Structures are given as C-alpha cells and as structure tokens.
C-alpha atoms as a PDB file:
ATOM      1  CA  MET A   1    -128.255 -69.880  99.879  1.00  0.00           C
ATOM      2  CA  ASN A   2    -127.732 -70.058  96.135  1.00  0.00           C
ATOM      3  CA  ASN A   3    -130.385 -71.350  93.776  1.00  0.00           C
ATOM      4  CA  LEU A   4    -129.812 -72.661  90.280  1.00  0.00           C
ATOM      5  CA  ARG A   5    -132.358 -73.689  87.690  1.00  0.00           C
ATOM      6  CA  LEU A   6    -131.184 -75.918  84.862  1.00  0.00           C
ATOM      7  CA  VAL A   7    -132.984 -76.499  81.592  1.00  0.00           C
ATOM      8  CA  SER A   8    -132.074 -79.199  79.080  1.00  0.00           C
ATOM      9  CA  ALA A   9    -133.198 -79.740  75.505  1.00  0.00           C
ATOM     10  CA  SER A  10    -132.637 -83.464  75.979  1.00  0.00           C
ATOM     11  CA  ARG A  11    -135.540 -85.775  76.728  1.00  0.00           C
ATOM     12  CA  GLN A  12    -133.375 -87.638  79.188  1.00  0.00           C
ATOM     13  CA  ALA A  13    -133.845 -86.637  82.817  1.00  0.00           C
ATOM     14  CA  ILE A  14    -130.883 -84.528  83.864  1.00  0.00           C
ATOM     15  CA  LYS A  15    -131.292 -84.857  87.628  1.00  0.00           C
ATOM     16  CA  PRO A  16    -129.824 -88.406  87.797  1.00  0.00           C
ATOM     17  CA  LEU A  17    -126.968 -87.352  85.515  1.00  0.00           C
ATOM     18  CA  LEU A  18    -126.124 -84.368  87.683  1.00  0.00           C
ATOM     19  CA  GLU A  19    -126.404 -86.365  90.901  1.00  0.00           C
ATOM     20  CA  ALA A  20    -124.008 -88.979  89.502  1.00  0.00           C
ATOM     21  CA  ALA A  21    -121.595 -86.292  88.282  1.00  0.00           C
ATOM     22  CA  LEU A  22    -121.582 -84.611  91.700  1.00  0.00           C
ATOM     23  CA  GLU A  23    -121.042 -87.951  93.467  1.00  0.00           C
ATOM     24  CA  ASN A  24    -118.174 -88.735  91.122  1.00  0.00           C
ATOM     25  CA  GLU A  25    -116.588 -85.327  91.677  1.00  0.00           C
ATOM     26  CA  LEU A  26    -116.964 -85.695  95.439  1.00  0.00           C
ATOM     27  CA  GLY A  27    -115.301 -89.114  95.277  1.00  0.00           C
ATOM     28  CA  LEU A  28    -112.367 -87.665  93.342  1.00  0.00           C
ATOM     29  CA  MET A  29    -112.100 -84.816  95.812  1.00  0.00           C
ATOM     30  CA  GLU A  30    -112.118 -87.195  98.774  1.00  0.00           C
ATOM     31  CA  ALA A  31    -109.332 -89.223  97.148  1.00  0.00           C
ATOM     32  CA  GLY A  32    -107.375 -85.989  96.713  1.00  0.00           C
ATOM     33  CA  ILE A  33    -107.960 -85.121 100.368  1.00  0.00           C
ATOM     34  CA  ARG A  34    -106.641 -88.510 101.502  1.00  0.00           C
ATOM     35  CA  GLN A  35    -103.597 -88.214  99.253  1.00  0.00           C
ATOM     36  CA  THR A  36    -102.850 -84.691 100.474  1.00  0.00           C
ATOM     37  CA  GLU A  37    -103.263 -85.747 104.101  1.00  0.00           C
ATOM     38  CA  GLN A  38    -100.751 -88.555 103.523  1.00  0.00           C
ATOM     39  CA  LYS A  39     -98.232 -86.109 102.066  1.00  0.00           C
ATOM     40  CA  LEU A  40     -98.714 -83.801 105.048  1.00  0.00           C
ATOM     41  CA  LEU A  41     -98.271 -86.717 107.447  1.00  0.00           C
ATOM     42  CA  HIS A  42     -94.980 -87.558 105.739  1.00  0.00           C
ATOM     43  CA  PHE A  43     -93.701 -84.009 106.300  1.00  0.00           C
ATOM     44  CA  GLU A  44     -94.936 -83.987 109.895  1.00  0.00           C
ATOM     45  CA  ARG A  45     -93.163 -87.225 110.730  1.00  0.00           C
ATOM     46  CA  LYS A  46     -89.970 -86.193 108.981  1.00  0.00           C
ATOM     47  CA  HIS A  47     -89.784 -82.816 110.719  1.00  0.00           C
ATOM     48  CA  ARG A  48     -91.497 -83.855 113.963  1.00  0.00           C
ATOM     49  CA  MET A  49     -94.035 -81.046 113.974  1.00  0.00           C
ATOM     50  CA  SER A  50     -97.644 -80.611 112.974  1.00  0.00           C
ATOM     51  CA  THR A  51     -98.571 -78.845 109.793  1.00  0.00           C
ATOM     52  CA  ALA A  52    -100.225 -76.109 111.873  1.00  0.00           C
ATOM     53  CA  GLU A  53     -96.946 -75.529 113.739  1.00  0.00           C
ATOM     54  CA  PHE A  54     -95.025 -75.525 110.473  1.00  0.00           C
ATOM     55  CA  VAL A  55     -97.373 -73.051 108.789  1.00  0.00           C
ATOM     56  CA  SER A  56     -97.171 -70.674 111.738  1.00  0.00           C
ATOM     57  CA  SER A  57     -93.372 -70.839 111.813  1.00  0.00           C
ATOM     58  CA  TYR A  58     -93.121 -70.590 108.035  1.00  0.00           C
ATOM     59  CA  LYS A  59     -95.241 -67.446 108.004  1.00  0.00           C
ATOM     60  CA  ASP A  60     -92.966 -65.988 110.691  1.00  0.00           C
ATOM     61  CA  ASP A  61     -89.954 -66.632 108.413  1.00  0.00           C
ATOM     62  CA  LYS A  62     -88.412 -69.147 110.807  1.00  0.00           C
ATOM     63  CA  PHE A  63     -87.486 -71.443 107.911  1.00  0.00           C
ATOM     64  CA  GLY A  64     -85.485 -70.876 104.777  1.00  0.00           C
ATOM     65  CA  GLU A  65     -87.015 -71.157 101.324  1.00  0.00           C
ATOM     66  CA  THR A  66     -86.433 -74.775 100.380  1.00  0.00           C
ATOM     67  CA  MET A  67     -88.355 -76.763  97.796  1.00  0.00           C
ATOM     68  CA  GLU A  68     -89.480 -79.158 100.514  1.00  0.00           C
ATOM     69  CA  PHE A  69     -90.930 -76.383 102.683  1.00  0.00           C
ATOM     70  CA  ILE A  70     -92.576 -74.754  99.678  1.00  0.00           C
ATOM     71  CA  GLU A  71     -94.143 -78.117  98.810  1.00  0.00           C
ATOM     72  CA  TRP A  72     -95.307 -78.609 102.414  1.00  0.00           C
ATOM     73  CA  MET A  73     -96.910 -75.173 102.406  1.00  0.00           C
ATOM     74  CA  GLY A  74     -98.530 -75.888  99.036  1.00  0.00           C
ATOM     75  CA  GLU A  75     -99.972 -79.192 100.248  1.00  0.00           C
ATOM     76  CA  SER A  76    -101.369 -77.443 103.318  1.00  0.00           C
ATOM     77  CA  ARG A  77    -103.096 -74.842 101.153  1.00  0.00           C
ATOM     78  CA  MET A  78    -104.339 -77.540  98.775  1.00  0.00           C
ATOM     79  CA  LEU A  79    -105.952 -79.437 101.644  1.00  0.00           C
ATOM     80  CA  GLY A  80    -107.795 -76.288 102.706  1.00  0.00           C
ATOM     81  CA  ARG A  81    -109.138 -75.710  99.206  1.00  0.00           C
ATOM     82  CA  LEU A  82    -110.169 -79.338  98.763  1.00  0.00           C
ATOM     83  CA  LEU A  83    -111.999 -79.347 102.091  1.00  0.00           C
ATOM     84  CA  GLU A  84    -113.856 -76.125 101.203  1.00  0.00           C
ATOM     85  CA  LYS A  85    -114.906 -77.483  97.814  1.00  0.00           C
ATOM     86  CA  SER A  86    -115.994 -80.853  99.181  1.00  0.00           C
ATOM     87  CA  GLU A  87    -118.067 -79.114 101.853  1.00  0.00           C
ATOM     88  CA  ALA A  88    -119.757 -77.022  99.167  1.00  0.00           C
ATOM     89  CA  LEU A  89    -120.527 -80.137  97.108  1.00  0.00           C
ATOM     90  CA  ARG A  90    -121.916 -81.967 100.136  1.00  0.00           C
ATOM     91  CA  GLY A  91    -124.244 -79.024 100.742  1.00  0.00           C
ATOM     92  CA  ILE A  92    -125.920 -79.273  97.339  1.00  0.00           C
ATOM     93  CA  ARG A  93    -129.484 -80.575  97.481  1.00  0.00           C
ATOM     94  CA  PHE A  94    -131.821 -81.189  94.585  1.00  0.00           C
ATOM     95  CA  GLU A  95    -135.376 -79.957  94.781  1.00  0.00           C
ATOM     96  CA  ASN A  96    -138.087 -81.333  92.553  1.00  0.00           C
END
C-alpha cells in the first residue's frame, strides 16, 4: 500500500478537487477502454479469431509484419495498460 500526503497553500479544500479530478480521469480512461475494445472487436470479426489467439500466434511469428497486425497488437497492449491504470485509480481511497 502506498500513502501520499498532500499539502496546499490554498484555503480551498483540495480533497473535493482531487476526487473530481480522479473521477474525471477514470471516466476518460473508461471511454478509452470502450474505444479500444471496439477496435479489437473489429479485428476479431474481420480475422475470425480472438485477440488472445492473435497475440499468441503473432508472438510465435505465424503472421507477417503488416500495419494492420501491428495496430492490432498495439491496441491489445493499450487495453492492458488502460485496465491496469483504471484499476489503480479505482483503488485510491481518501482518508481524513
């Protein structure tokens, strides 16, 4: 568990500001997750295989290096990063 103590010179309470900023960031991240999932679904339908199957085959060099496959791989990695970050944001709790 990580702890963080914030101090502000402002008289305005910073907790509500930070809570709103985190909620906003989480909303943006969730929109990015949905968009990335839609892109992955497009590839899956087009090539009639799941992203997991594609990634496994791609890593085994069963596909050539095309821009489409590079993009598919990039979207797969992006989804992983977005999910990790959103999980970290959801785990943040404010203590008084």
